[in-house]
Amino acid sequence: MSAIKDMKSYKAGDGTNWGVDVQLPSSSSVLVVFHHPDGRTARKDRYAWLNWQGAEANNAASSVSLDKVRASLDDATIRALFTRSMIIGAGKGPAFSPA
């Protein structure tokens, strides 16, 4: 996905509306990326791994469908993923304040 407006959204406690995307599927996990709305830098984006529990997890040769994962992400799951997410950027400065 390319634009935040086309992604699922998550509104954090501070009022920030994050775009939620899934990437890098394997048989048992996907990378969930929280895109910061200012869009000027990816350094404010966050990520978390989602362990997939579907049938694909039992077959190392398969890959989970990103559309299937997107459809399964409910508000509670997204909130839990965001809570344990980590910032993508590394370094110091105002871009690295807690979400």
Protein backbone atom coordinates (compact mmCIF):
# COMPACT_ATOMS: atom_id res chain seq x y z
CA MET A 1 0.00 0.00 0.00
CA SER A 2 1.25 3.45 -0.70
CA ALA A 3 -0.97 6.11 0.85
CA ILE A 4 -2.00 6.29 4.49
CA LYS A 5 -5.55 7.14 3.39
CA ASP A 6 -5.77 3.67 1.79
CA MET A 7 -4.65 1.85 4.96
CA LYS A 8 -6.48 0.83 8.10
CA SER A 9 -6.12 3.53 10.69
CA TYR A 10 -5.29 3.63 14.36
CA LYS A 11 -5.85 6.66 16.58
CA ALA A 12 -3.28 6.74 19.36
CA GLY A 13 -3.92 8.16 22.82
CA ASP A 14 -2.27 11.45 21.83
CA GLY A 15 -4.69 11.85 18.91
CA THR A 16 -2.23 10.86 16.17
CA ASN A 17 -3.89 8.95 13.31
CA TRP A 18 -1.47 6.25 12.19
CA GLY A 19 -1.76 4.29 8.95
CA VAL A 20 -1.58 0.53 9.56
CA ASP A 21 0.01 -1.66 6.89
CA VAL A 22 1.18 -5.28 6.75
CA GLN A 23 4.34 -6.38 4.97
CA LEU A 24 6.88 -9.21 4.69
CA PRO A 25 4.57 -12.22 4.98
CA SER A 26 5.95 -15.60 5.93
CA SER A 27 4.13 -18.77 6.86
CA SER A 28 3.81 -17.76 10.50
CA SER A 29 4.22 -13.99 10.81
CA VAL A 30 3.85 -10.58 9.17
CA LEU A 31 5.41 -7.22 9.85
CA VAL A 32 2.83 -4.61 10.90
CA VAL A 33 3.99 -1.07 10.14
CA PHE A 34 2.45 2.03 11.72
CA HIS A 35 3.05 4.96 9.37
CA HIS A 36 3.25 8.40 11.01
CA PRO A 37 0.91 10.89 9.31
CA ASP A 38 3.40 13.70 8.70
CA GLY A 39 4.96 11.65 5.90
CA ARG A 40 8.17 13.68 5.76
CA THR A 41 10.32 10.89 7.15
CA ALA A 42 9.94 7.20 7.86
CA ARG A 43 11.97 7.69 11.05
CA LYS A 44 8.76 8.28 13.02
CA ASP A 45 7.14 5.08 11.76
CA ARG A 46 6.79 2.14 14.12
CA TYR A 47 6.65 -1.64 13.65
CA ALA A 48 5.58 -4.82 15.41
CA TRP A 49 5.55 -8.48 14.43
CA LEU A 50 2.23 -10.34 14.33
CA ASN A 51 2.45 -14.10 14.82
CA TRP A 52 -0.09 -15.70 12.50
CA GLN A 53 -2.14 -18.60 13.86
CA GLY A 54 -3.81 -19.72 10.60
CA ALA A 55 -3.31 -22.97 8.69
CA GLU A 56 -0.38 -21.43 6.81
CA ALA A 57 1.66 -21.46 10.03
CA ASN A 58 1.89 -25.25 9.78
CA ASN A 59 3.45 -25.21 6.31
CA ALA A 60 6.86 -23.59 6.00
CA ALA A 61 6.52 -23.50 2.20
CA SER A 62 3.38 -21.36 2.31
CA SER A 63 2.94 -17.65 2.88
CA VAL A 64 0.07 -15.92 4.61
CA SER A 65 -2.09 -13.67 2.44
CA LEU A 66 -1.61 -9.98 3.26
CA ASP A 67 -5.27 -9.32 2.42
CA LYS A 68 -6.31 -12.06 4.85
CA VAL A 69 -4.20 -10.51 7.61
CA ARG A 70 -5.49 -6.98 6.89
CA ALA A 71 -9.06 -8.26 7.10
CA SER A 72 -8.36 -9.95 10.43
CA LEU A 73 -6.92 -6.86 12.14
CA ASP A 74 -9.56 -5.60 14.54
CA ASP A 75 -9.24 -2.57 16.81
CA ALA A 76 -8.12 -4.60 19.84
CA THR A 77 -5.37 -6.38 17.88
CA ILE A 78 -4.13 -3.14 16.33
CA ARG A 79 -4.09 -1.45 19.75
CA ALA A 80 -2.11 -4.35 21.27
CA LEU A 81 0.37 -4.29 18.37
CA PHE A 82 0.84 -0.53 18.65
CA THR A 83 1.42 -0.81 22.40
CA ARG A 84 4.35 -3.16 21.85
CA SER A 85 5.59 -1.53 18.63
CA MET A 86 9.09 -0.14 18.25
CA ILE A 87 10.26 2.94 16.41
CA ILE A 88 11.83 2.21 13.02
CA GLY A 89 14.36 5.05 13.06
CA ALA A 90 17.51 4.95 15.10
CA GLY A 91 19.26 7.92 16.63
CA LYS A 92 18.54 10.97 18.73
CA GLY A 93 16.38 14.02 18.33
CA PRO A 94 12.74 15.09 18.40
CA ALA A 95 11.73 12.42 15.88
CA PHE A 96 12.43 9.80 18.52
CA SER A 97 10.12 10.84 21.30
CA PRO A 98 7.74 8.12 22.58
CA ALA A 99 4.54 7.64 20.60
